[in-house]
């Protein structure tokens, strides 16, 4: 970023934008457009613009983040964090991620999605760090596994008001369902963290138990199954429709156990509630599958009532 300092701190937004394009995005307009989301505009034109630009240099110098990686990294509140009142907390957190958890460079770019920047620079930063240490100590999740794991609202869950629910859920997954370590990393996708720490946590756990009891889905099969929106479906407002659909798939189409795990990919969880409702409305024999359901992988192949 040689030569930037002579004109960086000008308050004019257009000139600041030129600096973003030239010095941060290599002249790539497309990259600049991506980069300018998530509060960057407010940061470079605000009273703390100097903090923002210092942060850009620090990311490159200390963490190896620049160019395309920087464009990706600048999401989920990073701009607000490095140019905000808690900027020092953010940088302390970045150094700690590198020093204690071995997360830097490209891994750090991936890791700082899903609200991590907000968590490490927020009022509950201590909860976040306690959670990261607990994940390593009690569940064997650290390094690259932690990078993958810390997506899908995990950061918000461990540093949020319902953190106790989240940890109770983690212990329960390990104790009652045999899900831990790498399996837990895979399992915690598609909203599971939000589901087991949210207002409908009871629905989520009742659903997990019902999957084991009525459909023979548990352990590794449950890990695979809990993708593509299943967590949101069993803990959402249409949970009853989801279970009606599951029962109908088992009763009318002979899909259960391992076959159900395979079937529930490609967005099927989001679609079966609609499928159940439509087929019930059509009555026996009509067999008309809506286009949206068909595209989700439920059409064709003789799927008739």
C-alpha atoms as a PDB file:
ATOM      1  CA  UNK A   1       0.000   0.000   0.000  1.00  0.00           C
ATOM      2  CA  UNK A   2       2.938   2.290  -0.751  1.00  0.00           C
ATOM      3  CA  UNK A   3       1.903   5.884  -1.415  1.00  0.00           C
ATOM      4  CA  UNK A   4      -1.547   5.554   0.095  1.00  0.00           C
ATOM      5  CA  UNK A   5      -0.968   7.613   3.239  1.00  0.00           C
ATOM      6  CA  UNK A   6      -0.534  10.915   1.379  1.00  0.00           C
ATOM      7  CA  UNK A   7      -4.179  10.880   0.337  1.00  0.00           C
ATOM      8  CA  UNK A   8      -5.903   8.228   2.443  1.00  0.00           C
ATOM      9  CA  UNK A   9      -7.503  10.325   5.109  1.00  0.00           C
ATOM     10  CA  UNK A  10      -9.417  12.683   2.827  1.00  0.00           C
ATOM     11  CA  UNK A  11     -13.076  12.757   3.816  1.00  0.00           C
ATOM     12  CA  UNK A  12     -14.285  12.755   0.214  1.00  0.00           C
ATOM     13  CA  UNK A  13     -16.033   9.431  -0.391  1.00  0.00           C
ATOM     14  CA  UNK A  14     -15.188   9.270  -4.095  1.00  0.00           C
ATOM     15  CA  UNK A  15     -11.478   9.630  -3.432  1.00  0.00           C
ATOM     16  CA  UNK A  16     -11.691   7.006  -0.711  1.00  0.00           C
ATOM     17  CA  UNK A  17     -13.469   4.731  -3.169  1.00  0.00           C
ATOM     18  CA  UNK A  18     -10.644   5.211  -5.642  1.00  0.00           C
ATOM     19  CA  UNK A  19      -8.214   4.090  -2.957  1.00  0.00           C
ATOM     20  CA  UNK A  20     -10.283   0.978  -2.312  1.00  0.00           C
ATOM     21  CA  UNK A  21     -10.321   0.129  -6.003  1.00  0.00           C
ATOM     22  CA  UNK A  22      -6.621   0.846  -6.601  1.00  0.00           C
ATOM     23  CA  UNK A  23      -4.889  -0.287  -3.451  1.00  0.00           C
ATOM     24  CA  UNK A  24      -7.176  -2.954  -2.010  1.00  0.00           C
ATOM     25  CA  UNK A  25      -8.844  -4.494  -5.053  1.00  0.00           C
ATOM     26  CA  UNK A  26      -6.071  -4.231  -7.651  1.00  0.00           C
ATOM     27  CA  UNK A  27      -8.203  -2.124  -9.958  1.00  0.00           C
ATOM     28  CA  UNK A  28     -10.888  -4.823 -10.209  1.00  0.00           C
ATOM     29  CA  UNK A  29     -14.290  -3.121 -10.211  1.00  0.00           C
ATOM     30  CA  UNK A  30     -16.119  -6.381  -9.527  1.00  0.00           C
ATOM     31  CA  UNK A  31     -13.961  -7.080  -6.496  1.00  0.00           C
ATOM     32  CA  UNK A  32     -14.513  -3.517  -5.323  1.00  0.00           C
ATOM     33  CA  UNK A  33     -18.285  -3.959  -5.537  1.00  0.00           C
ATOM     34  CA  UNK A  34     -18.099  -7.117  -3.435  1.00  0.00           C
ATOM     35  CA  UNK A  35     -15.740  -5.464  -0.993  1.00  0.00           C
ATOM     36  CA  UNK A  36     -18.013  -2.457  -0.490  1.00  0.00           C
ATOM     37  CA  UNK A  37     -20.734  -4.470   1.206  1.00  0.00           C
ATOM     38  CA  UNK A  38     -21.210  -5.008   4.934  1.00  0.00           C
ATOM     39  CA  UNK A  39     -20.411  -1.529   6.164  1.00  0.00           C
ATOM     40  CA  UNK A  40     -17.229  -0.729   4.247  1.00  0.00           C
ATOM     41  CA  UNK A  41     -18.737   2.440   2.784  1.00  0.00           C
ATOM     42  CA  UNK A  42     -19.656   3.690   6.251  1.00  0.00           C
ATOM     43  CA  UNK A  43     -16.169   2.881   7.521  1.00  0.00           C
ATOM     44  CA  UNK A  44     -14.156   4.617   4.815  1.00  0.00           C
ATOM     45  CA  UNK A  45     -16.325   7.726   4.899  1.00  0.00           C
ATOM     46  CA  UNK A  46     -16.850   7.906   8.656  1.00  0.00           C
ATOM     47  CA  UNK A  47     -15.068   9.641  11.508  1.00  0.00           C
ATOM     48  CA  UNK A  48     -12.903   6.578  12.123  1.00  0.00           C
ATOM     49  CA  UNK A  49     -11.661   6.168   8.550  1.00  0.00           C
ATOM     50  CA  UNK A  50      -8.056   6.262   9.778  1.00  0.00           C
ATOM     51  CA  UNK A  51      -8.732   3.178  11.928  1.00  0.00           C
ATOM     52  CA  UNK A  52     -10.147   1.379   8.905  1.00  0.00           C
ATOM     53  CA  UNK A  53      -7.075   1.995   6.751  1.00  0.00           C
ATOM     54  CA  UNK A  54      -4.709   1.131   9.578  1.00  0.00           C
ATOM     55  CA  UNK A  55      -6.682  -2.091   9.874  1.00  0.00           C
ATOM     56  CA  UNK A  56      -6.245  -2.875   6.189  1.00  0.00           C
ATOM     57  CA  UNK A  57      -2.473  -2.548   6.484  1.00  0.00           C
ATOM     58  CA  UNK A  58      -2.439  -4.612   9.666  1.00  0.00           C
ATOM     59  CA  UNK A  59      -4.474  -7.428   8.074  1.00  0.00           C
ATOM     60  CA  UNK A  60      -1.938  -7.629   5.259  1.00  0.00           C
ATOM     61  CA  UNK A  61       1.173  -7.262   7.412  1.00  0.00           C
ATOM     62  CA  UNK A  62       0.293  -9.446  10.418  1.00  0.00           C
ATOM     63  CA  UNK A  63      -2.205 -11.960   9.039  1.00  0.00           C
ATOM     64  CA  UNK A  64      -1.399 -12.321   5.340  1.00  0.00           C
ATOM     65  CA  UNK A  65      -4.844 -11.158   4.246  1.00  0.00           C
ATOM     66  CA  UNK A  66      -4.966  -9.044   1.093  1.00  0.00           C
ATOM     67  CA  UNK A  67      -6.360  -9.028  -2.445  1.00  0.00           C
ATOM     68  CA  UNK A  68      -9.190 -11.496  -3.053  1.00  0.00           C
ATOM     69  CA  UNK A  69      -8.880 -12.917   0.437  1.00  0.00           C
ATOM     70  CA  UNK A  70      -9.441  -9.453   1.848  1.00  0.00           C
ATOM     71  CA  UNK A  71     -12.578  -9.048  -0.278  1.00  0.00           C
ATOM     72  CA  UNK A  72     -13.988 -12.271   1.164  1.00  0.00           C
ATOM     73  CA  UNK A  73     -12.809 -11.465   4.675  1.00  0.00           C
ATOM     74  CA  UNK A  74     -14.556  -8.096   4.826  1.00  0.00           C
ATOM     75  CA  UNK A  75     -17.958  -9.604   5.546  1.00  0.00           C
ATOM     76  CA  UNK A  76     -20.126 -10.054   8.611  1.00  0.00           C
ATOM     77  CA  UNK A  77     -19.273  -6.852  10.413  1.00  0.00           C
ATOM     78  CA  UNK A  78     -15.490  -6.822   9.992  1.00  0.00           C
ATOM     79  CA  UNK A  79     -15.456  -3.241   8.698  1.00  0.00           C
ATOM     80  CA  UNK A  80     -17.543  -2.080  11.651  1.00  0.00           C
ATOM     81  CA  UNK A  81     -15.314  -3.995  14.057  1.00  0.00           C
ATOM     82  CA  UNK A  82     -11.986  -2.582  12.903  1.00  0.00           C
ATOM     83  CA  UNK A  83     -13.295   0.990  12.688  1.00  0.00           C
ATOM     84  CA  UNK A  84     -15.528   0.871  15.771  1.00  0.00           C
ATOM     85  CA  UNK A  85     -15.145   1.705  19.446  1.00  0.00           C
ATOM     86  CA  UNK A  86     -14.048  -1.858  20.264  1.00  0.00           C
ATOM     87  CA  UNK A  87     -11.365  -2.091  17.578  1.00  0.00           C
ATOM     88  CA  UNK A  88      -8.718  -3.128  20.116  1.00  0.00           C
ATOM     89  CA  UNK A  89     -10.848  -6.053  21.229  1.00  0.00           C
ATOM     90  CA  UNK A  90     -11.089  -7.156  17.601  1.00  0.00           C
ATOM     91  CA  UNK A  91      -7.327  -7.025  17.106  1.00  0.00           C
ATOM     92  CA  UNK A  92      -6.653  -8.746  20.402  1.00  0.00           C
ATOM     93  CA  UNK A  93      -8.996 -11.461  19.214  1.00  0.00           C
ATOM     94  CA  UNK A  94      -7.260 -11.765  15.855  1.00  0.00           C
ATOM     95  CA  UNK A  95      -3.869 -12.128  17.518  1.00  0.00           C
ATOM     96  CA  UNK A  96      -5.291 -14.712  19.909  1.00  0.00           C
ATOM     97  CA  UNK A  97      -6.821 -16.727  17.064  1.00  0.00           C
ATOM     98  CA  UNK A  98      -3.413 -16.844  15.428  1.00  0.00           C
ATOM     99  CA  UNK A  99      -1.392 -17.487  18.583  1.00  0.00           C
ATOM    100  CA  UNK A 100      -3.572 -19.918  20.544  1.00  0.00           C
ATOM    101  CA  UNK A 101      -5.720 -21.600  17.915  1.00  0.00           C
ATOM    102  CA  UNK A 102      -3.388 -21.608  14.912  1.00  0.00           C
ATOM    103  CA  UNK A 103      -5.858 -19.784  12.688  1.00  0.00           C
ATOM    104  CA  UNK A 104      -4.417 -17.269  10.219  1.00  0.00           C
ATOM    105  CA  UNK A 105      -4.234 -16.483   6.505  1.00  0.00           C
ATOM    106  CA  UNK A 106      -6.903 -18.178   4.388  1.00  0.00           C
ATOM    107  CA  UNK A 107      -8.218 -20.134   7.360  1.00  0.00           C
ATOM    108  CA  UNK A 108      -8.826 -16.881   9.187  1.00  0.00           C
ATOM    109  CA  UNK A 109     -10.751 -15.542   6.197  1.00  0.00           C
ATOM    110  CA  UNK A 110     -13.108 -18.512   6.330  1.00  0.00           C
ATOM    111  CA  UNK A 111     -13.291 -18.479  10.113  1.00  0.00           C
ATOM    112  CA  UNK A 112     -14.323 -14.843  10.444  1.00  0.00           C
ATOM    113  CA  UNK A 113     -17.652 -15.455   8.784  1.00  0.00           C
ATOM    114  CA  UNK A 114     -20.821 -16.231  10.634  1.00  0.00           C
ATOM    115  CA  UNK A 115     -20.535 -13.357  13.070  1.00  0.00           C
ATOM    116  CA  UNK A 116     -17.098 -14.101  14.529  1.00  0.00           C
ATOM    117  CA  UNK A 117     -15.933 -10.503  14.059  1.00  0.00           C
ATOM    118  CA  UNK A 118     -18.971  -9.268  15.951  1.00  0.00           C
ATOM    119  CA  UNK A 119     -18.454 -11.851  18.687  1.00  0.00           C
ATOM    120  CA  UNK A 120     -14.782 -11.156  19.397  1.00  0.00           C
ATOM    121  CA  UNK A 121     -15.319  -7.385  19.442  1.00  0.00           C
ATOM    122  CA  UNK A 122     -18.647  -7.384  21.261  1.00  0.00           C
ATOM    123  CA  UNK A 123     -19.785  -7.081  24.837  1.00  0.00           C
ATOM    124  CA  UNK A 124     -19.772 -10.875  25.250  1.00  0.00           C
ATOM    125  CA  UNK A 125     -16.266 -11.445  23.876  1.00  0.00           C
ATOM    126  CA  UNK A 126     -15.285 -13.312  27.051  1.00  0.00           C
ATOM    127  CA  UNK A 127     -18.067 -15.843  26.405  1.00  0.00           C
ATOM    128  CA  UNK A 128     -16.773 -16.393  22.892  1.00  0.00           C
ATOM    129  CA  UNK A 129     -13.250 -17.184  24.067  1.00  0.00           C
ATOM    130  CA  UNK A 130     -14.471 -19.401  26.874  1.00  0.00           C
ATOM    131  CA  UNK A 131     -16.519 -21.231  24.256  1.00  0.00           C
ATOM    132  CA  UNK A 132     -13.602 -21.633  21.853  1.00  0.00           C
ATOM    133  CA  UNK A 133     -11.483 -23.125  24.651  1.00  0.00           C
ATOM    134  CA  UNK A 134     -14.318 -25.447  25.667  1.00  0.00           C
ATOM    135  CA  UNK A 135     -14.755 -26.642  22.090  1.00  0.00           C
ATOM    136  CA  UNK A 136     -11.088 -27.612  22.040  1.00  0.00           C
ATOM    137  CA  UNK A 137     -10.988 -29.144  25.530  1.00  0.00           C
ATOM    138  CA  UNK A 138     -14.310 -30.997  25.716  1.00  0.00           C
ATOM    139  CA  UNK A 139     -15.155 -31.754  22.087  1.00  0.00           C
ATOM    140  CA  UNK A 140     -11.794 -32.015  20.335  1.00  0.00           C
ATOM    141  CA  UNK A 141     -12.571 -29.167  17.946  1.00  0.00           C
ATOM    142  CA  UNK A 142      -9.672 -26.864  17.075  1.00  0.00           C
ATOM    143  CA  UNK A 143      -7.582 -25.705  14.132  1.00  0.00           C
ATOM    144  CA  UNK A 144      -9.132 -26.386  10.735  1.00  0.00           C
ATOM    145  CA  UNK A 145     -12.046 -28.213  12.315  1.00  0.00           C
ATOM    146  CA  UNK A 146     -12.842 -25.134  14.352  1.00  0.00           C
ATOM    147  CA  UNK A 147     -12.739 -23.023  11.183  1.00  0.00           C
ATOM    148  CA  UNK A 148     -15.382 -25.233   9.583  1.00  0.00           C
ATOM    149  CA  UNK A 149     -17.383 -25.519  12.780  1.00  0.00           C
ATOM    150  CA  UNK A 150     -17.589 -21.774  13.453  1.00  0.00           C
ATOM    151  CA  UNK A 151     -20.057 -21.144  10.675  1.00  0.00           C
ATOM    152  CA  UNK A 152     -23.843 -21.180  10.688  1.00  0.00           C
ATOM    153  CA  UNK A 153     -24.365 -18.997  13.748  1.00  0.00           C
ATOM    154  CA  UNK A 154     -22.101 -20.916  16.132  1.00  0.00           C
ATOM    155  CA  UNK A 155     -20.286 -17.713  17.115  1.00  0.00           C
ATOM    156  CA  UNK A 156     -23.582 -16.003  17.854  1.00  0.00           C
ATOM    157  CA  UNK A 157     -24.761 -19.014  19.843  1.00  0.00           C
ATOM    158  CA  UNK A 158     -21.735 -19.334  22.124  1.00  0.00           C
ATOM    159  CA  UNK A 159     -21.561 -15.593  22.764  1.00  0.00           C
ATOM    160  CA  UNK A 160     -25.295 -14.931  22.924  1.00  0.00           C
ATOM    161  CA  UNK A 161     -27.951 -14.805  25.609  1.00  0.00           C
ATOM    162  CA  UNK A 162     -28.795 -18.496  25.171  1.00  0.00           C
ATOM    163  CA  UNK A 163     -25.253 -19.804  25.449  1.00  0.00           C
ATOM    164  CA  UNK A 164     -26.233 -22.213  28.242  1.00  0.00           C
ATOM    165  CA  UNK A 165     -28.760 -23.862  25.910  1.00  0.00           C
ATOM    166  CA  UNK A 166     -26.101 -24.243  23.242  1.00  0.00           C
ATOM    167  CA  UNK A 167     -23.684 -26.018  25.574  1.00  0.00           C
ATOM    168  CA  UNK A 168     -26.408 -28.219  27.022  1.00  0.00           C
ATOM    169  CA  UNK A 169     -27.174 -29.209  23.453  1.00  0.00           C
ATOM    170  CA  UNK A 170     -23.544 -29.946  22.660  1.00  0.00           C
ATOM    171  CA  UNK A 171     -23.219 -32.179  25.727  1.00  0.00           C
ATOM    172  CA  UNK A 172     -26.455 -33.936  24.831  1.00  0.00           C
ATOM    173  CA  UNK A 173     -25.338 -34.594  21.246  1.00  0.00           C
ATOM    174  CA  UNK A 174     -22.177 -36.196  22.598  1.00  0.00           C
ATOM    175  CA  UNK A 175     -23.788 -38.113  25.466  1.00  0.00           C
ATOM    176  CA  UNK A 176     -27.101 -39.266  23.998  1.00  0.00           C
ATOM    177  CA  UNK A 177     -26.416 -39.484  20.278  1.00  0.00           C
ATOM    178  CA  UNK A 178     -22.708 -40.277  20.044  1.00  0.00           C
ATOM    179  CA  UNK A 179     -21.907 -37.179  17.995  1.00  0.00           C
ATOM    180  CA  UNK A 180     -18.579 -35.514  18.765  1.00  0.00           C
ATOM    181  CA  UNK A 181     -15.273 -34.428  17.240  1.00  0.00           C
ATOM    182  CA  UNK A 182     -15.344 -34.464  13.408  1.00  0.00           C
ATOM    183  CA  UNK A 183     -18.897 -35.732  13.261  1.00  0.00           C
ATOM    184  CA  UNK A 184     -20.010 -32.813  15.381  1.00  0.00           C
ATOM    185  CA  UNK A 185     -18.275 -30.394  13.023  1.00  0.00           C
ATOM    186  CA  UNK A 186     -20.232 -31.819  10.092  1.00  0.00           C
ATOM    187  CA  UNK A 187     -23.437 -31.988  12.100  1.00  0.00           C
ATOM    188  CA  UNK A 188     -23.357 -28.323  13.094  1.00  0.00           C
ATOM    189  CA  UNK A 189     -24.374 -27.163   9.655  1.00  0.00           C
ATOM    190  CA  UNK A 190     -27.575 -25.675   8.314  1.00  0.00           C
ATOM    191  CA  UNK A 191     -28.796 -23.966  11.437  1.00  0.00           C
ATOM    192  CA  UNK A 192     -28.273 -26.646  14.073  1.00  0.00           C
ATOM    193  CA  UNK A 193     -26.544 -24.150  16.368  1.00  0.00           C
ATOM    194  CA  UNK A 194     -29.427 -21.734  16.014  1.00  0.00           C
ATOM    195  CA  UNK A 195     -31.952 -24.521  16.524  1.00  0.00           C
ATOM    196  CA  UNK A 196     -30.542 -26.010  19.718  1.00  0.00           C
ATOM    197  CA  UNK A 197     -29.957 -22.588  21.275  1.00  0.00           C
ATOM    198  CA  UNK A 198     -33.124 -20.899  20.057  1.00  0.00           C
ATOM    199  CA  UNK A 199     -36.637 -20.419  21.405  1.00  0.00           C
ATOM    200  CA  UNK A 200     -37.766 -23.682  19.800  1.00  0.00           C
ATOM    201  CA  UNK A 201     -34.941 -25.813  21.205  1.00  0.00           C
ATOM    202  CA  UNK A 202     -37.470 -28.202  22.771  1.00  0.00           C
ATOM    203  CA  UNK A 203     -38.955 -28.867  19.312  1.00  0.00           C
ATOM    204  CA  UNK A 204     -35.484 -29.566  17.948  1.00  0.00           C
ATOM    205  CA  UNK A 205     -34.677 -32.155  20.602  1.00  0.00           C
ATOM    206  CA  UNK A 206     -38.106 -33.758  20.407  1.00  0.00           C
ATOM    207  CA  UNK A 207     -37.482 -34.012  16.676  1.00  0.00           C
ATOM    208  CA  UNK A 208     -34.061 -35.610  17.075  1.00  0.00           C
ATOM    209  CA  UNK A 209     -35.565 -38.189  19.426  1.00  0.00           C
ATOM    210  CA  UNK A 210     -38.430 -38.854  17.009  1.00  0.00           C
ATOM    211  CA  UNK A 211     -35.974 -39.409  14.163  1.00  0.00           C
ATOM    212  CA  UNK A 212     -34.260 -42.114  16.204  1.00  0.00           C
ATOM    213  CA  UNK A 213     -37.431 -43.680  17.576  1.00  0.00           C
ATOM    214  CA  UNK A 214     -39.696 -43.658  14.510  1.00  0.00           C
ATOM    215  CA  UNK A 215     -37.297 -43.610  11.578  1.00  0.00           C
ATOM    216  CA  UNK A 216     -34.165 -45.341  12.862  1.00  0.00           C
ATOM    217  CA  UNK A 217     -31.952 -42.324  12.216  1.00  0.00           C
ATOM    218  CA  UNK A 218     -29.186 -41.709  14.762  1.00  0.00           C
ATOM    219  CA  UNK A 219     -25.407 -41.528  15.105  1.00  0.00           C
ATOM    220  CA  UNK A 220     -23.573 -41.044  11.793  1.00  0.00           C
ATOM    221  CA  UNK A 221     -26.814 -41.312   9.875  1.00  0.00           C
ATOM    222  CA  UNK A 222     -28.184 -38.417  11.884  1.00  0.00           C
ATOM    223  CA  UNK A 223     -25.076 -36.360  11.064  1.00  0.00           C
ATOM    224  CA  UNK A 224     -25.656 -36.859   7.340  1.00  0.00           C
ATOM    225  CA  UNK A 225     -29.398 -36.398   7.668  1.00  0.00           C
ATOM    226  CA  UNK A 226     -29.203 -33.083   9.522  1.00  0.00           C
ATOM    227  CA  UNK A 227     -28.277 -31.143   6.423  1.00  0.00           C
ATOM    228  CA  UNK A 228     -30.298 -29.205   3.885  1.00  0.00           C
ATOM    229  CA  UNK A 229     -32.556 -27.431   6.322  1.00  0.00           C
ATOM    230  CA  UNK A 230     -33.688 -30.358   8.479  1.00  0.00           C
ATOM    231  CA  UNK A 231     -32.843 -28.529  11.724  1.00  0.00           C
ATOM    232  CA  UNK A 232     -34.861 -25.513  10.629  1.00  0.00           C
ATOM    233  CA  UNK A 233     -37.744 -27.756   9.596  1.00  0.00           C
ATOM    234  CA  UNK A 234     -38.066 -29.726  12.823  1.00  0.00           C
ATOM    235  CA  UNK A 235     -37.767 -26.606  14.982  1.00  0.00           C
ATOM    236  CA  UNK A 236     -39.730 -24.244  12.769  1.00  0.00           C
ATOM    237  CA  UNK A 237     -43.352 -23.102  12.542  1.00  0.00           C
ATOM    238  CA  UNK A 238     -44.203 -25.864  10.050  1.00  0.00           C
ATOM    239  CA  UNK A 239     -42.745 -28.703  12.127  1.00  0.00           C
ATOM    240  CA  UNK A 240     -46.070 -30.546  12.149  1.00  0.00           C
ATOM    241  CA  UNK A 241     -46.175 -30.528   8.347  1.00  0.00           C
ATOM    242  CA  UNK A 242     -42.603 -31.812   8.228  1.00  0.00           C
ATOM    243  CA  UNK A 243     -43.460 -34.795  10.403  1.00  0.00           C
ATOM    244  CA  UNK A 244     -46.633 -35.485   8.429  1.00  0.00           C
ATOM    245  CA  UNK A 245     -44.466 -35.526   5.329  1.00  0.00           C
ATOM    246  CA  UNK A 246     -41.929 -37.876   6.902  1.00  0.00           C
ATOM    247  CA  UNK A 247     -44.666 -40.286   7.908  1.00  0.00           C
ATOM    248  CA  UNK A 248     -46.205 -40.123   4.443  1.00  0.00           C
ATOM    249  CA  UNK A 249     -42.854 -40.828   2.791  1.00  0.00           C
ATOM    250  CA  UNK A 250     -42.482 -43.906   5.003  1.00  0.00           C
ATOM    251  CA  UNK A 251     -46.088 -45.084   4.684  1.00  0.00           C
ATOM    252  CA  UNK A 252     -46.828 -44.422   1.011  1.00  0.00           C
ATOM    253  CA  UNK A 253     -43.410 -44.571  -0.619  1.00  0.00           C
ATOM    254  CA  UNK A 254     -41.464 -46.995   1.549  1.00  0.00           C
ATOM    255  CA  UNK A 255     -38.728 -44.492   2.346  1.00  0.00           C
ATOM    256  CA  UNK A 256     -37.225 -44.846   5.820  1.00  0.00           C
ATOM    257  CA  UNK A 257     -34.006 -45.402   7.738  1.00  0.00           C
ATOM    258  CA  UNK A 258     -30.921 -45.210   5.443  1.00  0.00           C
ATOM    259  CA  UNK A 259     -33.033 -44.494   2.391  1.00  0.00           C
ATOM    260  CA  UNK A 260     -34.540 -41.522   4.174  1.00  0.00           C
ATOM    261  CA  UNK A 261     -31.072 -40.166   4.982  1.00  0.00           C
ATOM    262  CA  UNK A 262     -30.116 -40.276   1.302  1.00  0.00           C
ATOM    263  CA  UNK A 263     -33.485 -38.893   0.242  1.00  0.00           C
ATOM    264  CA  UNK A 264     -33.337 -35.875   2.556  1.00  0.00           C
ATOM    265  CA  UNK A 265     -30.669 -34.118   0.540  1.00  0.00           C
ATOM    266  CA  UNK A 266     -31.123 -31.453  -2.068  1.00  0.00           C
ATOM    267  CA  UNK A 267     -33.573 -29.387  -0.049  1.00  0.00           C
ATOM    268  CA  UNK A 268     -36.125 -32.138   0.471  1.00  0.00           C
ATOM    269  CA  UNK A 269     -36.774 -31.086   4.059  1.00  0.00           C
ATOM    270  CA  UNK A 270     -38.024 -27.704   2.922  1.00  0.00           C
ATOM    271  CA  UNK A 271     -40.165 -29.298   0.243  1.00  0.00           C
ATOM    272  CA  UNK A 272     -41.886 -32.243   1.949  1.00  0.00           C
ATOM    273  CA  UNK A 273     -44.133 -30.057   4.068  1.00  0.00           C
ATOM    274  CA  UNK A 274     -45.478 -28.528   0.873  1.00  0.00           C
ATOM    275  CA  UNK A 275     -45.662 -31.916  -0.796  1.00  0.00           C
ATOM    276  CA  UNK A 276     -47.721 -33.364   2.025  1.00  0.00           C
ATOM    277  CA  UNK A 277     -50.132 -30.458   1.996  1.00  0.00           C
ATOM    278  CA  UNK A 278     -50.542 -30.551  -1.800  1.00  0.00           C
ATOM    279  CA  UNK A 279     -51.076 -34.303  -2.029  1.00  0.00           C
ATOM    280  CA  UNK A 280     -53.643 -34.212   0.756  1.00  0.00           C
ATOM    281  CA  UNK A 281     -55.490 -31.419  -1.034  1.00  0.00           C
ATOM    282  CA  UNK A 282     -55.416 -33.292  -4.370  1.00  0.00           C
ATOM    283  CA  UNK A 283     -56.757 -36.512  -2.976  1.00  0.00           C
ATOM    284  CA  UNK A 284     -55.753 -40.079  -3.963  1.00  0.00           C
ATOM    285  CA  UNK A 285     -54.651 -40.831  -7.497  1.00  0.00           C
ATOM    286  CA  UNK A 286     -53.971 -37.413  -8.897  1.00  0.00           C
ATOM    287  CA  UNK A 287     -50.187 -37.576  -8.505  1.00  0.00           C
ATOM    288  CA  UNK A 288     -49.459 -34.011  -9.581  1.00  0.00           C
ATOM    289  CA  UNK A 289     -46.163 -32.774  -8.185  1.00  0.00           C
ATOM    290  CA  UNK A 290     -45.673 -29.004  -8.120  1.00  0.00           C
ATOM    291  CA  UNK A 291     -42.738 -27.676 -10.172  1.00  0.00           C
ATOM    292  CA  UNK A 292     -40.965 -26.307  -7.109  1.00  0.00           C
ATOM    293  CA  UNK A 293     -41.172 -29.656  -5.341  1.00  0.00           C
ATOM    294  CA  UNK A 294     -40.045 -31.513  -8.445  1.00  0.00           C
ATOM    295  CA  UNK A 295     -36.986 -29.294  -8.784  1.00  0.00           C
ATOM    296  CA  UNK A 296     -36.102 -30.029  -5.158  1.00  0.00           C
ATOM    297  CA  UNK A 297     -35.671 -33.686  -6.033  1.00  0.00           C
ATOM    298  CA  UNK A 298     -39.130 -34.964  -5.141  1.00  0.00           C
ATOM    299  CA  UNK A 299     -40.583 -35.228  -8.626  1.00  0.00           C
ATOM    300  CA  UNK A 300     -40.155 -37.982 -11.187  1.00  0.00           C
ATOM    301  CA  UNK A 301     -39.318 -41.545 -10.357  1.00  0.00           C
ATOM    302  CA  UNK A 302     -42.948 -42.517  -9.879  1.00  0.00           C
ATOM    303  CA  UNK A 303     -43.636 -40.346  -6.876  1.00  0.00           C
ATOM    304  CA  UNK A 304     -47.453 -40.697  -6.882  1.00  0.00           C
ATOM    305  CA  UNK A 305     -50.126 -40.914  -4.263  1.00  0.00           C
END
